[in-house]
PDB file of N, CA and C in Angstrom:
ATOM      1  N   VAL A   1      -1.314  -1.391  -9.516  1.00  0.00           N
ATOM      2  CA  VAL A   1      -2.394  -1.216  -8.617  1.00  0.00           C
ATOM      3  C   VAL A   1      -1.806  -1.967  -7.367  1.00  0.00           C
ATOM      4  N   CYS A   2      -2.049  -0.677  -6.085  1.00  0.00           N
ATOM      5  CA  CYS A   2      -1.776  -1.152  -4.825  1.00  0.00           C
ATOM      6  C   CYS A   2      -2.866  -0.697  -4.091  1.00  0.00           C
ATOM      7  N   SER A   3      -3.742  -1.752  -3.497  1.00  0.00           N
ATOM      8  CA  SER A   3      -4.900  -1.694  -2.656  1.00  0.00           C
ATOM      9  C   SER A   3      -4.383  -1.982  -1.205  1.00  0.00           C
ATOM     10  N   TYR A   4      -4.480  -0.818  -0.382  1.00  0.00           N
ATOM     11  CA  TYR A   4      -4.245  -0.864   1.127  1.00  0.00           C
ATOM     12  C   TYR A   4      -3.025  -1.640   1.325  1.00  0.00           C
ATOM     13  N   GLY A   5      -1.822  -1.766   0.524  1.00  0.00           N
ATOM     14  CA  GLY A   5      -0.462  -2.409   0.523  1.00  0.00           C
ATOM     15  C   GLY A   5       0.155  -1.949   1.762  1.00  0.00           C
ATOM     16  N   ILE A   6       0.957  -2.854   1.923  1.00  0.00           N
ATOM     17  CA  ILE A   6       2.139  -2.900   3.073  1.00  0.00           C
ATOM     18  C   ILE A   6       3.383  -1.957   2.072  1.00  0.00           C
ATOM     19  N   SER A   7       3.940  -0.935   2.525  1.00  0.00           N
ATOM     20  CA  SER A   7       5.043  -0.494   1.913  1.00  0.00           C
ATOM     21  C   SER A   7       6.202  -0.738   2.867  1.00  0.00           C
ATOM     22  N   ASN A   8       6.283  -0.890   4.337  1.00  0.00           N
ATOM     23  CA  ASN A   8       7.302  -1.047   5.165  1.00  0.00           C
ATOM     24  C   ASN A   8       7.064  -2.301   6.190  1.00  0.00           C
ATOM     25  N   GLN A   9       7.595  -3.427   5.988  1.00  0.00           N
ATOM     26  CA  GLN A   9       7.249  -4.534   7.142  1.00  0.00           C
ATOM     27  C   GLN A   9       7.584  -4.167   8.487  1.00  0.00           C
ATOM     28  N   PHE A  10       8.595  -3.470   8.649  1.00  0.00           N
ATOM     29  CA  PHE A  10       9.258  -3.066  10.058  1.00  0.00           C
ATOM     30  C   PHE A  10       8.112  -2.277  10.731  1.00  0.00           C
ATOM     31  N   THR A  11       7.663  -1.038  10.058  1.00  0.00           N
ATOM     32  CA  THR A  11       6.803  -0.155  10.744  1.00  0.00           C
ATOM     33  C   THR A  11       5.222  -0.773  10.996  1.00  0.00           C
ATOM     34  N   LEU A  12       4.920  -1.749  10.046  1.00  0.00           N
ATOM     35  CA  LEU A  12       3.793  -2.605  10.186  1.00  0.00           C
ATOM     36  C   LEU A  12       3.583  -3.535  11.341  1.00  0.00           C
ATOM     37  N   ALA A  13       4.793  -4.210  11.700  1.00  0.00           N
ATOM     38  CA  ALA A  13       5.290  -4.902  12.676  1.00  0.00           C
ATOM     39  C   ALA A  13       4.720  -4.503  14.090  1.00  0.00           C
ATOM     40  N   PHE A  14       4.898  -2.919  14.151  1.00  0.00           N
ATOM     41  CA  PHE A  14       4.762  -2.316  15.414  1.00  0.00           C
ATOM     42  C   PHE A  14       3.551  -1.433  15.280  1.00  0.00           C
ATOM     43  N   ASP A  15       2.992  -1.389  14.056  1.00  0.00           N
ATOM     44  CA  ASP A  15       1.750  -0.625  13.856  1.00  0.00           C
ATOM     45  C   ASP A  15       0.485  -1.076  13.247  1.00  0.00           C
ATOM     46  N   THR A  16       0.070  -2.117  14.057  1.00  0.00           N
ATOM     47  CA  THR A  16      -1.196  -2.927  13.388  1.00  0.00           C
ATOM     48  C   THR A  16      -1.904  -2.904  14.484  1.00  0.00           C
ATOM     49  N   HIS A  17      -3.372  -3.453  14.416  1.00  0.00           N
ATOM     50  CA  HIS A  17      -4.106  -3.647  15.510  1.00  0.00           C
ATOM     51  C   HIS A  17      -3.747  -5.221  16.229  1.00  0.00           C
ATOM     52  N   LYS A  18      -4.221  -5.563  17.362  1.00  0.00           N
ATOM     53  CA  LYS A  18      -3.664  -6.715  18.240  1.00  0.00           C
ATOM     54  C   LYS A  18      -3.857  -7.873  17.419  1.00  0.00           C
ATOM     55  N   PHE A  19      -4.833  -8.023  16.701  1.00  0.00           N
ATOM     56  CA  PHE A  19      -5.188  -9.193  15.915  1.00  0.00           C
ATOM     57  C   PHE A  19      -4.084  -9.490  14.718  1.00  0.00           C
ATOM     58  N   GLU A  20      -3.719  -8.564  14.340  1.00  0.00           N
ATOM     59  CA  GLU A  20      -2.617  -8.868  13.306  1.00  0.00           C
ATOM     60  C   GLU A  20      -1.093  -8.649  13.840  1.00  0.00           C
ATOM     61  N   ALA A  21      -1.089  -8.558  14.866  1.00  0.00           N
ATOM     62  CA  ALA A  21       0.168  -8.005  15.512  1.00  0.00           C
ATOM     63  C   ALA A  21       1.270  -9.024  15.244  1.00  0.00           C
ATOM     64  N   ARG A  22       1.066 -10.240  15.074  1.00  0.00           N
ATOM     65  CA  ARG A  22       1.937 -11.554  14.896  1.00  0.00           C
ATOM     66  C   ARG A  22       2.055 -12.054  13.608  1.00  0.00           C
ATOM     67  N   TYR A  23       1.372 -11.466  12.797  1.00  0.00           N
ATOM     68  CA  TYR A  23       0.980 -12.040  11.411  1.00  0.00           C
ATOM     69  C   TYR A  23       2.225 -11.923  10.522  1.00  0.00           C
ATOM     70  N   SER A  24       3.068 -10.762  10.638  1.00  0.00           N
ATOM     71  CA  SER A  24       4.407 -10.931   9.916  1.00  0.00           C
ATOM     72  C   SER A  24       5.348 -11.600  10.338  1.00  0.00           C
ATOM     73  N   ASP A  25       5.353 -11.971  11.646  1.00  0.00           N
ATOM     74  CA  ASP A  25       6.062 -13.257  12.402  1.00  0.00           C
ATOM     75  C   ASP A  25       5.805 -14.414  11.630  1.00  0.00           C
ATOM     76  N   THR A  26       4.531 -14.868  11.271  1.00  0.00           N
ATOM     77  CA  THR A  26       3.935 -15.960  10.638  1.00  0.00           C
ATOM     78  C   THR A  26       4.429 -16.039   9.393  1.00  0.00           C
ATOM     79  N   LEU A  27       4.500 -15.161   8.643  1.00  0.00           N
ATOM     80  CA  LEU A  27       5.096 -15.242   7.247  1.00  0.00           C
ATOM     81  C   LEU A  27       6.358 -15.007   6.789  1.00  0.00           C
ATOM     82  N   LEU A  28       6.808 -13.888   7.766  1.00  0.00           N
ATOM     83  CA  LEU A  28       8.251 -13.719   7.338  1.00  0.00           C
ATOM     84  C   LEU A  28       9.341 -14.223   8.487  1.00  0.00           C
ATOM     85  N   GLY A  29       8.785 -14.400   9.791  1.00  0.00           N
ATOM     86  CA  GLY A  29       9.735 -14.813  10.857  1.00  0.00           C
ATOM     87  C   GLY A  29       9.715 -13.583  11.848  1.00  0.00           C
ATOM     88  N   PRO A  30      10.427 -13.722  13.143  1.00  0.00           N
ATOM     89  CA  PRO A  30      10.313 -12.912  14.055  1.00  0.00           C
ATOM     90  C   PRO A  30      11.461 -11.923  13.965  1.00  0.00           C
ATOM     91  N   LEU A  31      11.385 -10.693  14.392  1.00  0.00           N
ATOM     92  CA  LEU A  31      12.565  -9.794  14.343  1.00  0.00           C
ATOM     93  C   LEU A  31      13.346 -10.078  15.669  1.00  0.00           C
ATOM     94  N   PRO A  32      14.596  -9.744  15.767  1.00  0.00           N
ATOM     95  CA  PRO A  32      15.139  -9.289  14.725  1.00  0.00           C
ATOM     96  C   PRO A  32      15.960 -10.338  13.748  1.00  0.00           C
ATOM     97  N   GLN A  33      15.519 -11.404  13.842  1.00  0.00           N
ATOM     98  CA  GLN A  33      16.297 -12.625  13.152  1.00  0.00           C
ATOM     99  C   GLN A  33      15.828 -12.478  11.718  1.00  0.00           C
ATOM    100  N   ALA A  34      14.635 -12.006  11.173  1.00  0.00           N
ATOM    101  CA  ALA A  34      14.072 -12.035   9.961  1.00  0.00           C
ATOM    102  C   ALA A  34      14.121 -10.544   9.142  1.00  0.00           C
ATOM    103  N   ALA A  35      15.172  -9.960   9.884  1.00  0.00           N
ATOM    104  CA  ALA A  35      15.403  -8.276   9.418  1.00  0.00           C
ATOM    105  C   ALA A  35      15.647  -8.199   8.132  1.00  0.00           C
ATOM    106  N   ASP A  36      16.468  -9.023   7.459  1.00  0.00           N
ATOM    107  CA  ASP A  36      16.834  -9.027   6.035  1.00  0.00           C
ATOM    108  C   ASP A  36      15.412  -9.429   5.149  1.00  0.00           C
ATOM    109  N   LEU A  37      14.768 -10.476   5.487  1.00  0.00           N
ATOM    110  CA  LEU A  37      13.537 -10.798   4.928  1.00  0.00           C
ATOM    111  C   LEU A  37      12.739  -9.478   4.992  1.00  0.00           C
ATOM    112  N   TYR A  38      12.277  -8.597   6.121  1.00  0.00           N
ATOM    113  CA  TYR A  38      11.486  -7.786   6.173  1.00  0.00           C
ATOM    114  C   TYR A  38      11.835  -6.714   5.000  1.00  0.00           C
ATOM    115  N   ARG A  39      13.314  -6.432   5.185  1.00  0.00           N
ATOM    116  CA  ARG A  39      13.663  -5.261   4.220  1.00  0.00           C
ATOM    117  C   ARG A  39      13.434  -5.838   2.741  1.00  0.00           C
ATOM    118  N   GLU A  40      13.575  -7.155   2.618  1.00  0.00           N
ATOM    119  CA  GLU A  40      13.572  -7.381   0.955  1.00  0.00           C
ATOM    120  C   GLU A  40      12.127  -7.215   0.853  1.00  0.00           C
ATOM    121  N   ARG A  41      11.091  -7.658   1.779  1.00  0.00           N
ATOM    122  CA  ARG A  41       9.790  -7.478   1.299  1.00  0.00           C
ATOM    123  C   ARG A  41       9.213  -6.071   1.487  1.00  0.00           C
ATOM    124  N   SER A  42       9.967  -5.157   1.789  1.00  0.00           N
ATOM    125  CA  SER A  42       9.310  -3.768   1.940  1.00  0.00           C
ATOM    126  C   SER A  42       9.669  -2.840   0.674  1.00  0.00           C
ATOM    127  N   PRO A  43       8.577  -2.736  -0.201  1.00  0.00           N
ATOM    128  CA  PRO A  43       8.885  -1.872  -1.360  1.00  0.00           C
ATOM    129  C   PRO A  43       9.692  -0.569  -0.844  1.00  0.00           C
ATOM    130  N   ILE A  44       9.236   0.047   0.258  1.00  0.00           N
ATOM    131  CA  ILE A  44       9.726   1.644   0.286  1.00  0.00           C
ATOM    132  C   ILE A  44      11.412   1.328   0.204  1.00  0.00           C
ATOM    133  N   PHE A  45      11.900   0.176   0.536  1.00  0.00           N
ATOM    134  CA  PHE A  45      13.496  -0.006   0.561  1.00  0.00           C
ATOM    135  C   PHE A  45      13.844  -0.370  -1.016  1.00  0.00           C
ATOM    136  N   ARG A  46      13.011  -0.243  -1.753  1.00  0.00           N
ATOM    137  CA  ARG A  46      13.458  -0.491  -3.280  1.00  0.00           C
ATOM    138  C   ARG A  46      12.609   0.324  -4.315  1.00  0.00           C
ATOM    139  N   VAL A  47      12.286   1.494  -3.744  1.00  0.00           N
ATOM    140  CA  VAL A  47      11.401   2.496  -4.167  1.00  0.00           C
ATOM    141  C   VAL A  47      11.991   3.003  -5.455  1.00  0.00           C
ATOM    142  N   ASP A  48      13.583   3.034  -5.381  1.00  0.00           N
ATOM    143  CA  ASP A  48      14.266   3.396  -6.755  1.00  0.00           C
ATOM    144  C   ASP A  48      14.165   2.410  -7.940  1.00  0.00           C
ATOM    145  N   GLN A  49      13.633   1.329  -7.577  1.00  0.00           N
ATOM    146  CA  GLN A  49      13.419   0.373  -8.732  1.00  0.00           C
ATOM    147  C   GLN A  49      11.949   0.587  -9.396  1.00  0.00           C
ATOM    148  N   ILE A  50      10.869   1.289  -8.646  1.00  0.00           N
ATOM    149  CA  ILE A  50       9.683   1.469  -9.286  1.00  0.00           C
ATOM    150  C   ILE A  50       9.810   2.442 -10.547  1.00  0.00           C
ATOM    151  N   VAL A  51       9.418   2.122 -11.502  1.00  0.00           N
ATOM    152  CA  VAL A  51       9.544   3.325 -12.431  1.00  0.00           C
ATOM    153  C   VAL A  51       8.318   3.617 -13.538  1.00  0.00           C
ATOM    154  N   ASP A  52       7.431   2.270 -13.325  1.00  0.00           N
ATOM    155  CA  ASP A  52       6.013   2.555 -13.903  1.00  0.00           C
ATOM    156  C   ASP A  52       5.135   3.093 -12.918  1.00  0.00           C
ATOM    157  N   PRO A  53       4.065   3.716 -13.763  1.00  0.00           N
ATOM    158  CA  PRO A  53       3.123   4.407 -13.333  1.00  0.00           C
ATOM    159  C   PRO A  53       2.617   3.348 -12.118  1.00  0.00           C
ATOM    160  N   LEU A  54       2.075   4.008 -10.868  1.00  0.00           N
ATOM    161  CA  LEU A  54       1.333   3.123  -9.816  1.00  0.00           C
ATOM    162  C   LEU A  54      -0.108   4.081  -9.369  1.00  0.00           C
ATOM    163  N   ILE A  55      -0.859   3.285  -9.105  1.00  0.00           N
ATOM    164  CA  ILE A  55      -1.926   3.838  -8.714  1.00  0.00           C
ATOM    165  C   ILE A  55      -1.977   3.123  -7.206  1.00  0.00           C
ATOM    166  N   VAL A  56      -2.319   4.105  -6.065  1.00  0.00           N
ATOM    167  CA  VAL A  56      -2.529   3.522  -4.507  1.00  0.00           C
ATOM    168  C   VAL A  56      -3.566   3.773  -4.126  1.00  0.00           C
ATOM    169  N   PHE A  57      -4.417   2.931  -3.432  1.00  0.00           N
ATOM    170  CA  PHE A  57      -5.732   3.104  -2.915  1.00  0.00           C
ATOM    171  C   PHE A  57      -5.635   2.595  -1.178  1.00  0.00           C
ATOM    172  N   GLN A  58      -6.337   3.402  -0.421  1.00  0.00           N
ATOM    173  CA  GLN A  58      -6.011   3.592   1.052  1.00  0.00           C
ATOM    174  C   GLN A  58      -7.319   3.708   1.832  1.00  0.00           C
ATOM    175  N   GLY A  59      -7.921   3.514   2.545  1.00  0.00           N
ATOM    176  CA  GLY A  59      -8.967   3.907   3.499  1.00  0.00           C
ATOM    177  C   GLY A  59      -8.287   4.527   4.691  1.00  0.00           C
ATOM    178  N   THR A  60      -8.697   5.603   5.323  1.00  0.00           N
ATOM    179  CA  THR A  60      -8.617   6.706   6.425  1.00  0.00           C
ATOM    180  C   THR A  60      -8.590   5.695   7.676  1.00  0.00           C
ATOM    181  N   ASP A  61      -9.357   4.603   7.549  1.00  0.00           N
ATOM    182  CA  ASP A  61      -9.880   3.885   8.951  1.00  0.00           C
ATOM    183  C   ASP A  61      -9.237   2.623   9.023  1.00  0.00           C
ATOM    184  N   ASP A  62      -8.142   2.185   8.137  1.00  0.00           N
ATOM    185  CA  ASP A  62      -7.599   0.950   8.027  1.00  0.00           C
ATOM    186  C   ASP A  62      -6.711   0.572   9.104  1.00  0.00           C
ATOM    187  N   ASN A  63      -7.101  -0.234  10.088  1.00  0.00           N
ATOM    188  CA  ASN A  63      -6.431  -0.396  11.219  1.00  0.00           C
ATOM    189  C   ASN A  63      -5.607  -1.823  11.049  1.00  0.00           C
ATOM    190  N   VAL A  64      -5.637  -2.462   9.799  1.00  0.00           N
ATOM    191  CA  VAL A  64      -4.616  -3.500   9.320  1.00  0.00           C
ATOM    192  C   VAL A  64      -3.413  -3.085   8.812  1.00  0.00           C
ATOM    193  N   VAL A  65      -3.595  -2.188   7.743  1.00  0.00           N
ATOM    194  CA  VAL A  65      -2.324  -1.460   7.188  1.00  0.00           C
ATOM    195  C   VAL A  65      -2.629  -0.012   7.200  1.00  0.00           C
ATOM    196  N   PRO A  66      -2.197   0.411   8.303  1.00  0.00           N
ATOM    197  CA  PRO A  66      -2.421   1.858   8.538  1.00  0.00           C
ATOM    198  C   PRO A  66      -2.263   3.074   7.398  1.00  0.00           C
ATOM    199  N   GLN A  67      -2.793   3.895   7.111  1.00  0.00           N
ATOM    200  CA  GLN A  67      -2.852   4.965   6.047  1.00  0.00           C
ATOM    201  C   GLN A  67      -1.346   5.262   5.965  1.00  0.00           C
ATOM    202  N   ALA A  68      -0.349   5.426   6.920  1.00  0.00           N
ATOM    203  CA  ALA A  68       0.938   5.959   7.020  1.00  0.00           C
ATOM    204  C   ALA A  68       1.740   5.197   6.198  1.00  0.00           C
ATOM    205  N   GLN A  69       1.268   3.812   5.935  1.00  0.00           N
ATOM    206  CA  GLN A  69       1.923   2.954   4.807  1.00  0.00           C
ATOM    207  C   GLN A  69       1.934   3.407   3.468  1.00  0.00           C
ATOM    208  N   ALA A  70       0.775   3.815   3.214  1.00  0.00           N
ATOM    209  CA  ALA A  70       0.629   4.346   1.889  1.00  0.00           C
ATOM    210  C   ALA A  70       1.004   5.892   1.473  1.00  0.00           C
ATOM    211  N   ASP A  71       0.636   6.519   2.619  1.00  0.00           N
ATOM    212  CA  ASP A  71       1.449   8.071   2.737  1.00  0.00           C
ATOM    213  C   ASP A  71       3.029   7.940   2.337  1.00  0.00           C
ATOM    214  N   THR A  72       3.658   7.014   3.145  1.00  0.00           N
ATOM    215  CA  THR A  72       5.010   7.005   2.948  1.00  0.00           C
ATOM    216  C   THR A  72       5.540   6.531   1.572  1.00  0.00           C
ATOM    217  N   LEU A  73       4.911   5.505   1.027  1.00  0.00           N
ATOM    218  CA  LEU A  73       4.878   5.296  -0.383  1.00  0.00           C
ATOM    219  C   LEU A  73       4.872   6.336  -1.467  1.00  0.00           C
ATOM    220  N   VAL A  74       3.704   6.861  -1.315  1.00  0.00           N
ATOM    221  CA  VAL A  74       3.309   7.940  -2.179  1.00  0.00           C
ATOM    222  C   VAL A  74       4.176   9.129  -2.110  1.00  0.00           C
ATOM    223  N   ALA A  75       4.422   9.574  -0.730  1.00  0.00           N
ATOM    224  CA  ALA A  75       5.747  10.468  -0.888  1.00  0.00           C
ATOM    225  C   ALA A  75       7.009  10.423  -1.585  1.00  0.00           C
ATOM    226  N   ALA A  76       7.312   8.968  -1.517  1.00  0.00           N
ATOM    227  CA  ALA A  76       8.494   8.591  -2.134  1.00  0.00           C
ATOM    228  C   ALA A  76       8.632   8.556  -3.612  1.00  0.00           C
ATOM    229  N   LEU A  77       7.404   8.159  -4.145  1.00  0.00           N
ATOM    230  CA  LEU A  77       7.020   8.240  -5.511  1.00  0.00           C
ATOM    231  C   LEU A  77       7.064   9.428  -5.945  1.00  0.00           C
ATOM    232  N   LYS A  78       6.515  10.377  -5.356  1.00  0.00           N
ATOM    233  CA  LYS A  78       6.531  11.934  -5.532  1.00  0.00           C
ATOM    234  C   LYS A  78       8.095  12.410  -5.795  1.00  0.00           C
ATOM    235  N   ARG A  79       8.697  12.318  -4.843  1.00  0.00           N
ATOM    236  CA  ARG A  79      10.028  12.686  -4.614  1.00  0.00           C
ATOM    237  C   ARG A  79      10.967  12.227  -6.159  1.00  0.00           C
ATOM    238  N   ARG A  80      10.766  11.079  -6.306  1.00  0.00           N
ATOM    239  CA  ARG A  80      11.436  10.501  -7.360  1.00  0.00           C
ATOM    240  C   ARG A  80      10.594  10.932  -8.894  1.00  0.00           C
ATOM    241  N   GLY A  81       9.539  11.198  -8.731  1.00  0.00           N
ATOM    242  CA  GLY A  81       8.848  11.493  -9.999  1.00  0.00           C
ATOM    243  C   GLY A  81       8.222  10.564 -10.691  1.00  0.00           C
ATOM    244  N   VAL A  82       8.007   9.593  -9.972  1.00  0.00           N
ATOM    245  CA  VAL A  82       7.243   8.402 -10.489  1.00  0.00           C
ATOM    246  C   VAL A  82       5.824   8.785 -10.801  1.00  0.00           C
ATOM    247  N   PRO A  83       5.108   8.498 -11.913  1.00  0.00           N
ATOM    248  CA  PRO A  83       3.903   8.979 -12.006  1.00  0.00           C
ATOM    249  C   PRO A  83       3.054   8.008 -11.463  1.00  0.00           C
ATOM    250  N   HIS A  84       2.001   8.681 -10.652  1.00  0.00           N
ATOM    251  CA  HIS A  84       1.158   8.032  -9.486  1.00  0.00           C
ATOM    252  C   HIS A  84      -0.088   8.674  -9.420  1.00  0.00           C
ATOM    253  N   GLU A  85      -0.939   7.942  -8.911  1.00  0.00           N
ATOM    254  CA  GLU A  85      -2.234   8.397  -8.400  1.00  0.00           C
ATOM    255  C   GLU A  85      -2.539   7.793  -6.920  1.00  0.00           C
ATOM    256  N   TYR A  86      -3.082   8.683  -6.224  1.00  0.00           N
ATOM    257  CA  TYR A  86      -3.229   8.276  -4.713  1.00  0.00           C
ATOM    258  C   TYR A  86      -5.006   8.987  -4.354  1.00  0.00           C
ATOM    259  N   HIS A  87      -5.498   7.234  -4.211  1.00  0.00           N
ATOM    260  CA  HIS A  87      -6.995   7.694  -3.704  1.00  0.00           C
ATOM    261  C   HIS A  87      -7.069   7.293  -2.501  1.00  0.00           C
ATOM    262  N   LEU A  88      -7.470   8.173  -1.600  1.00  0.00           N
ATOM    263  CA  LEU A  88      -7.530   7.863  -0.014  1.00  0.00           C
ATOM    264  C   LEU A  88      -9.172   8.089   0.045  1.00  0.00           C
ATOM    265  N   PHE A  89      -9.830   6.941   0.740  1.00  0.00           N
ATOM    266  CA  PHE A  89     -11.131   6.912   1.011  1.00  0.00           C
ATOM    267  C   PHE A  89     -11.615   7.283   2.483  1.00  0.00           C
ATOM    268  N   GLU A  90     -12.073   8.247   2.614  1.00  0.00           N
ATOM    269  CA  GLU A  90     -12.414   8.408   3.909  1.00  0.00           C
ATOM    270  C   GLU A  90     -13.371   7.558   4.529  1.00  0.00           C
ATOM    271  N   GLY A  91     -13.195   7.174   5.834  1.00  0.00           N
ATOM    272  CA  GLY A  91     -13.962   6.227   6.559  1.00  0.00           C
ATOM    273  C   GLY A  91     -13.808   4.656   6.280  1.00  0.00           C
ATOM    274  N   GLU A  92     -13.184   4.640   5.269  1.00  0.00           N
ATOM    275  CA  GLU A  92     -12.887   3.186   4.777  1.00  0.00           C
ATOM    276  C   GLU A  92     -11.760   2.382   5.543  1.00  0.00           C
ATOM    277  N   GLY A  93     -11.709   1.268   5.749  1.00  0.00           N
ATOM    278  CA  GLY A  93     -10.980   0.520   6.553  1.00  0.00           C
ATOM    279  C   GLY A  93     -10.303  -0.476   5.256  1.00  0.00           C
ATOM    280  N   HIS A  94      -9.792  -1.746   5.919  1.00  0.00           N
ATOM    281  CA  HIS A  94      -8.886  -2.742   5.086  1.00  0.00           C
ATOM    282  C   HIS A  94     -10.010  -3.371   3.994  1.00  0.00           C
ATOM    283  N   GLY A  95     -10.180  -2.845   2.973  1.00  0.00           N
ATOM    284  CA  GLY A  95     -11.219  -3.305   2.160  1.00  0.00           C
ATOM    285  C   GLY A  95     -12.416  -2.509   2.117  1.00  0.00           C
ATOM    286  N   TRP A  96     -12.987  -2.575   0.854  1.00  0.00           N
ATOM    287  CA  TRP A  96     -14.008  -1.428   0.828  1.00  0.00           C
ATOM    288  C   TRP A  96     -15.389  -1.841   1.345  1.00  0.00           C
ATOM    289  N   ARG A  97     -16.188  -1.099   1.980  1.00  0.00           N
ATOM    290  CA  ARG A  97     -17.530  -1.492   2.152  1.00  0.00           C
ATOM    291  C   ARG A  97     -18.577  -0.730   1.441  1.00  0.00           C
ATOM    292  N   ARG A  98     -18.390   0.690   1.318  1.00  0.00           N
ATOM    293  CA  ARG A  98     -19.658   1.662   0.726  1.00  0.00           C
ATOM    294  C   ARG A  98     -19.517   1.377  -0.600  1.00  0.00           C
ATOM    295  N   PRO A  99     -20.823   1.427  -1.507  1.00  0.00           N
ATOM    296  CA  PRO A  99     -20.981   1.164  -2.603  1.00  0.00           C
ATOM    297  C   PRO A  99     -20.331   2.218  -3.512  1.00  0.00           C
ATOM    298  N   GLU A 100     -20.439   3.595  -2.850  1.00  0.00           N
ATOM    299  CA  GLU A 100     -19.719   4.508  -3.636  1.00  0.00           C
ATOM    300  C   GLU A 100     -18.250   4.383  -3.637  1.00  0.00           C
ATOM    301  N   THR A 101     -17.660   3.919  -2.625  1.00  0.00           N
ATOM    302  CA  THR A 101     -16.462   3.597  -2.762  1.00  0.00           C
ATOM    303  C   THR A 101     -15.758   2.409  -3.702  1.00  0.00           C
ATOM    304  N   ILE A 102     -16.737   1.257  -3.686  1.00  0.00           N
ATOM    305  CA  ILE A 102     -16.285   0.248  -4.416  1.00  0.00           C
ATOM    306  C   ILE A 102     -16.361   0.770  -5.887  1.00  0.00           C
ATOM    307  N   ASP A 103     -17.489   1.460  -6.259  1.00  0.00           N
ATOM    308  CA  ASP A 103     -17.672   2.143  -7.399  1.00  0.00           C
ATOM    309  C   ASP A 103     -16.523   2.957  -8.187  1.00  0.00           C
ATOM    310  N   ALA A 104     -15.783   4.135  -7.135  1.00  0.00           N
ATOM    311  CA  ALA A 104     -14.990   4.809  -7.342  1.00  0.00           C
ATOM    312  C   ALA A 104     -13.685   4.239  -7.787  1.00  0.00           C
ATOM    313  N   TYR A 105     -13.544   2.989  -6.827  1.00  0.00           N
ATOM    314  CA  TYR A 105     -12.360   2.109  -6.858  1.00  0.00           C
ATOM    315  C   TYR A 105     -12.257   1.528  -8.253  1.00  0.00           C
ATOM    316  N   PHE A 106     -13.065   0.871  -8.781  1.00  0.00           N
ATOM    317  CA  PHE A 106     -13.337   0.275 -10.011  1.00  0.00           C
ATOM    318  C   PHE A 106     -13.140   1.155 -11.077  1.00  0.00           C
ATOM    319  N   ARG A 107     -13.763   2.258 -10.907  1.00  0.00           N
ATOM    320  CA  ARG A 107     -13.660   3.497 -12.152  1.00  0.00           C
ATOM    321  C   ARG A 107     -12.234   3.835 -12.289  1.00  0.00           C
ATOM    322  N   ALA A 108     -11.791   4.237 -11.101  1.00  0.00           N
ATOM    323  CA  ALA A 108     -10.317   4.800 -11.031  1.00  0.00           C
ATOM    324  C   ALA A 108      -9.464   3.619 -11.593  1.00  0.00           C
ATOM    325  N   THR A 109      -9.549   2.467 -11.129  1.00  0.00           N
ATOM    326  CA  THR A 109      -8.701   1.299 -11.748  1.00  0.00           C
ATOM    327  C   THR A 109      -8.678   1.162 -13.191  1.00  0.00           C
ATOM    328  N   LEU A 110      -9.930   1.124 -13.678  1.00  0.00           N
ATOM    329  CA  LEU A 110     -10.155   0.916 -15.098  1.00  0.00           C
ATOM    330  C   LEU A 110      -9.376   2.255 -15.943  1.00  0.00           C
ATOM    331  N   ALA A 111      -9.734   3.499 -15.497  1.00  0.00           N
ATOM    332  CA  ALA A 111      -9.186   4.540 -16.057  1.00  0.00           C
ATOM    333  C   ALA A 111      -7.742   4.584 -15.893  1.00  0.00           C
ATOM    334  N   PHE A 112      -7.015   4.119 -14.993  1.00  0.00           N
ATOM    335  CA  PHE A 112      -5.670   4.208 -14.673  1.00  0.00           C
ATOM    336  C   PHE A 112      -5.201   2.923 -15.804  1.00  0.00           C
ATOM    337  N   LEU A 113      -5.822   1.823 -15.668  1.00  0.00           N
ATOM    338  CA  LEU A 113      -5.149   0.733 -16.512  1.00  0.00           C
ATOM    339  C   LEU A 113      -5.295   1.029 -18.126  1.00  0.00           C
ATOM    340  N   GLU A 114      -6.342   1.941 -18.514  1.00  0.00           N
ATOM    341  CA  GLU A 114      -6.761   2.225 -19.949  1.00  0.00           C
ATOM    342  C   GLU A 114      -5.358   3.137 -20.481  1.00  0.00           C
ATOM    343  N   GLN A 115      -5.262   4.218 -19.225  1.00  0.00           N
ATOM    344  CA  GLN A 115      -4.078   5.155 -19.754  1.00  0.00           C
ATOM    345  C   GLN A 115      -2.775   4.578 -19.854  1.00  0.00           C
ATOM    346  N   HIS A 116      -2.377   3.745 -18.619  1.00  0.00           N
ATOM    347  CA  HIS A 116      -0.967   3.186 -18.533  1.00  0.00           C
ATOM    348  C   HIS A 116      -0.690   1.917 -19.058  1.00  0.00           C
ATOM    349  N   VAL A 117      -1.656   1.154 -19.265  1.00  0.00           N
ATOM    350  CA  VAL A 117      -1.262  -0.392 -19.419  1.00  0.00           C
ATOM    351  C   VAL A 117      -2.079  -0.914 -20.884  1.00  0.00           C
ATOM    352  N   LEU A 118      -3.243  -0.733 -20.849  1.00  0.00           N
ATOM    353  CA  LEU A 118      -4.175  -1.375 -21.827  1.00  0.00           C
ATOM    354  C   LEU A 118      -3.738  -0.849 -23.435  1.00  0.00           C
ATOM    355  N   PHE A 119      -3.737   0.492 -23.362  1.00  0.00           N
ATOM    356  CA  PHE A 119      -3.656   1.051 -24.768  1.00  0.00           C
ATOM    357  C   PHE A 119      -2.348   1.715 -24.990  1.00  0.00           C
ATOM    358  N   THR A 120      -1.386   1.300 -24.451  1.00  0.00           N
ATOM    359  CA  THR A 120      -0.175   2.120 -24.674  1.00  0.00           C
ATOM    360  C   THR A 120       0.731   1.913 -25.622  1.00  0.00           C
TER     361      THR A 120
END
């Protein structure tokens, strides 16, 4: 289950809002010195190792982890034929606020886990 997750640390370092702009530096170190660690912590560079089904959730108005992060990961999963679901929540940001989104998130997560994990 991937909820508003980072797929590429490099692009996130340059495509997030001002408040989070140096967060990756704090966690991983500054670029270019920490480039190897950024690559290691970016699932997009190891997408060939993802073989199990994955459900991805993203808000269209997320300015912490932009939608492009999820779009890129989902496109790579699709190219590789990895079973996945992509749920894009219109108007939601980094975390869910609307009751209907929260409900949809938990229902989709439960259905996905029942199908792919709990009863296989």
